[in-house]
Amino acid sequence: MNGWRYFSSRQVREARRWAESGGIAVHENIWKSRGRRTCHLLARDETALLAAAREVGCADHWIQRTRTVHFDLVDVYLERALSRCGLPAG
């Protein structure tokens, strides 16, 4: 596994490739959620995605099954994911 890695909003292709290769991608979302910073959590498949989401405290039913299956991360869940990427939460 490639581990956890942060990607800026303009690095969506790179984030998807990282996830497809077995890593966990935390991709900055250009949209805010109620004024809060948000990121998408991506992984190779749903099993890996659920495992990563649980590591940061997300509930399984928060999964977003859109064109790209992902979790939306905000607040403490985002802080935990950024920490896993070796970045400060702010």
Protein backbone atom coordinates (compact mmCIF):
# COMPACT_ATOMS: atom_id res chain seq x y z
CA MET A 1 0.00 0.00 0.00
CA ASN A 2 1.15 3.52 -0.78
CA GLY A 3 -0.15 5.09 2.40
CA TRP A 4 -2.11 8.29 2.92
CA ARG A 5 -1.44 11.35 0.77
CA TYR A 6 -2.99 14.82 0.44
CA PHE A 7 -3.86 16.30 -2.96
CA SER A 8 -4.87 19.90 -3.72
CA SER A 9 -8.13 20.70 -5.51
CA ARG A 10 -6.35 20.85 -8.87
CA GLN A 11 -4.83 17.39 -8.46
CA VAL A 12 -7.96 15.29 -8.93
CA ARG A 13 -6.39 13.01 -11.57
CA GLU A 14 -3.34 12.42 -9.40
CA ALA A 15 -5.55 11.66 -6.39
CA ARG A 16 -7.56 9.12 -8.36
CA ARG A 17 -4.38 7.46 -9.67
CA TRP A 18 -2.93 7.30 -6.15
CA ALA A 19 -6.10 5.67 -4.86
CA GLU A 20 -6.30 3.24 -7.79
CA SER A 21 -2.72 2.14 -7.07
CA GLY A 22 -3.63 1.20 -3.51
CA GLY A 23 -3.07 4.42 -1.59
CA ILE A 24 -5.50 6.51 0.40
CA ALA A 25 -6.10 9.92 -1.18
CA VAL A 26 -7.35 12.97 0.70
CA HIS A 27 -8.40 15.35 -2.05
CA GLU A 28 -9.27 18.99 -1.32
CA ASN A 29 -12.78 19.84 -2.48
CA ILE A 30 -13.30 23.22 -4.15
CA TRP A 31 -16.73 23.44 -2.53
CA LYS A 32 -17.28 24.34 1.10
CA SER A 33 -19.86 22.61 3.28
CA ARG A 34 -21.68 25.24 5.32
CA GLY A 35 -18.57 27.40 5.13
CA ARG A 36 -16.29 24.57 6.27
CA ARG A 37 -13.27 23.19 4.46
CA THR A 38 -13.97 19.76 2.95
CA CYS A 39 -11.95 16.98 1.37
CA HIS A 40 -12.84 13.74 -0.35
CA LEU A 41 -11.46 10.45 0.90
CA LEU A 42 -10.66 8.04 -1.95
CA ALA A 43 -9.37 4.47 -2.07
CA ARG A 44 -8.93 1.61 -4.56
CA ASP A 45 -12.25 -0.05 -3.80
CA GLU A 46 -15.15 0.17 -1.38
CA THR A 47 -13.60 -2.25 1.11
CA ALA A 48 -10.39 -0.20 1.36
CA LEU A 49 -12.39 3.04 1.46
CA LEU A 50 -14.54 1.85 4.35
CA ALA A 51 -11.45 0.71 6.27
CA ALA A 52 -9.76 4.09 5.79
CA ALA A 53 -12.92 5.99 6.72
CA ARG A 54 -13.25 3.97 9.93
CA GLU A 55 -9.66 4.88 10.83
CA VAL A 56 -10.66 8.54 11.03
CA GLY A 57 -13.97 7.82 12.77
CA CYS A 58 -16.47 7.99 9.90
CA ALA A 59 -19.61 5.87 10.01
CA ASP A 60 -20.06 3.41 7.13
CA HIS A 61 -23.40 4.89 6.10
CA TRP A 62 -21.75 8.26 5.31
CA ILE A 63 -20.28 6.76 2.14
CA GLN A 64 -21.08 8.69 -1.05
CA ARG A 65 -21.86 6.36 -3.94
CA THR A 66 -21.63 8.78 -6.82
CA ARG A 67 -19.54 8.47 -9.99
CA THR A 68 -16.52 8.30 -7.70
CA VAL A 69 -17.26 6.41 -4.48
CA HIS A 70 -15.89 8.53 -1.62
CA PHE A 71 -16.41 10.03 1.82
CA ASP A 72 -16.79 13.74 2.45
CA LEU A 73 -14.49 14.79 5.28
CA VAL A 74 -15.12 17.84 7.49
CA ASP A 75 -14.21 18.99 10.97
CA VAL A 76 -12.50 16.41 13.21
CA TYR A 77 -12.63 13.71 10.51
CA LEU A 78 -10.75 15.97 8.12
CA GLU A 79 -8.24 16.89 10.84
CA ARG A 80 -7.56 13.19 11.47
CA ALA A 81 -7.13 12.45 7.77
CA LEU A 82 -4.75 15.38 7.28
CA SER A 83 -2.78 14.16 10.25
CA ARG A 84 -2.52 10.70 8.61
CA CYS A 85 -1.06 12.52 5.59
CA GLY A 86 1.50 14.22 7.82
CA LEU A 87 -0.08 17.67 7.50
CA PRO A 88 -1.40 20.14 10.07
CA ALA A 89 -5.20 20.38 10.19
CA GLY A 90 -5.34 24.17 9.73
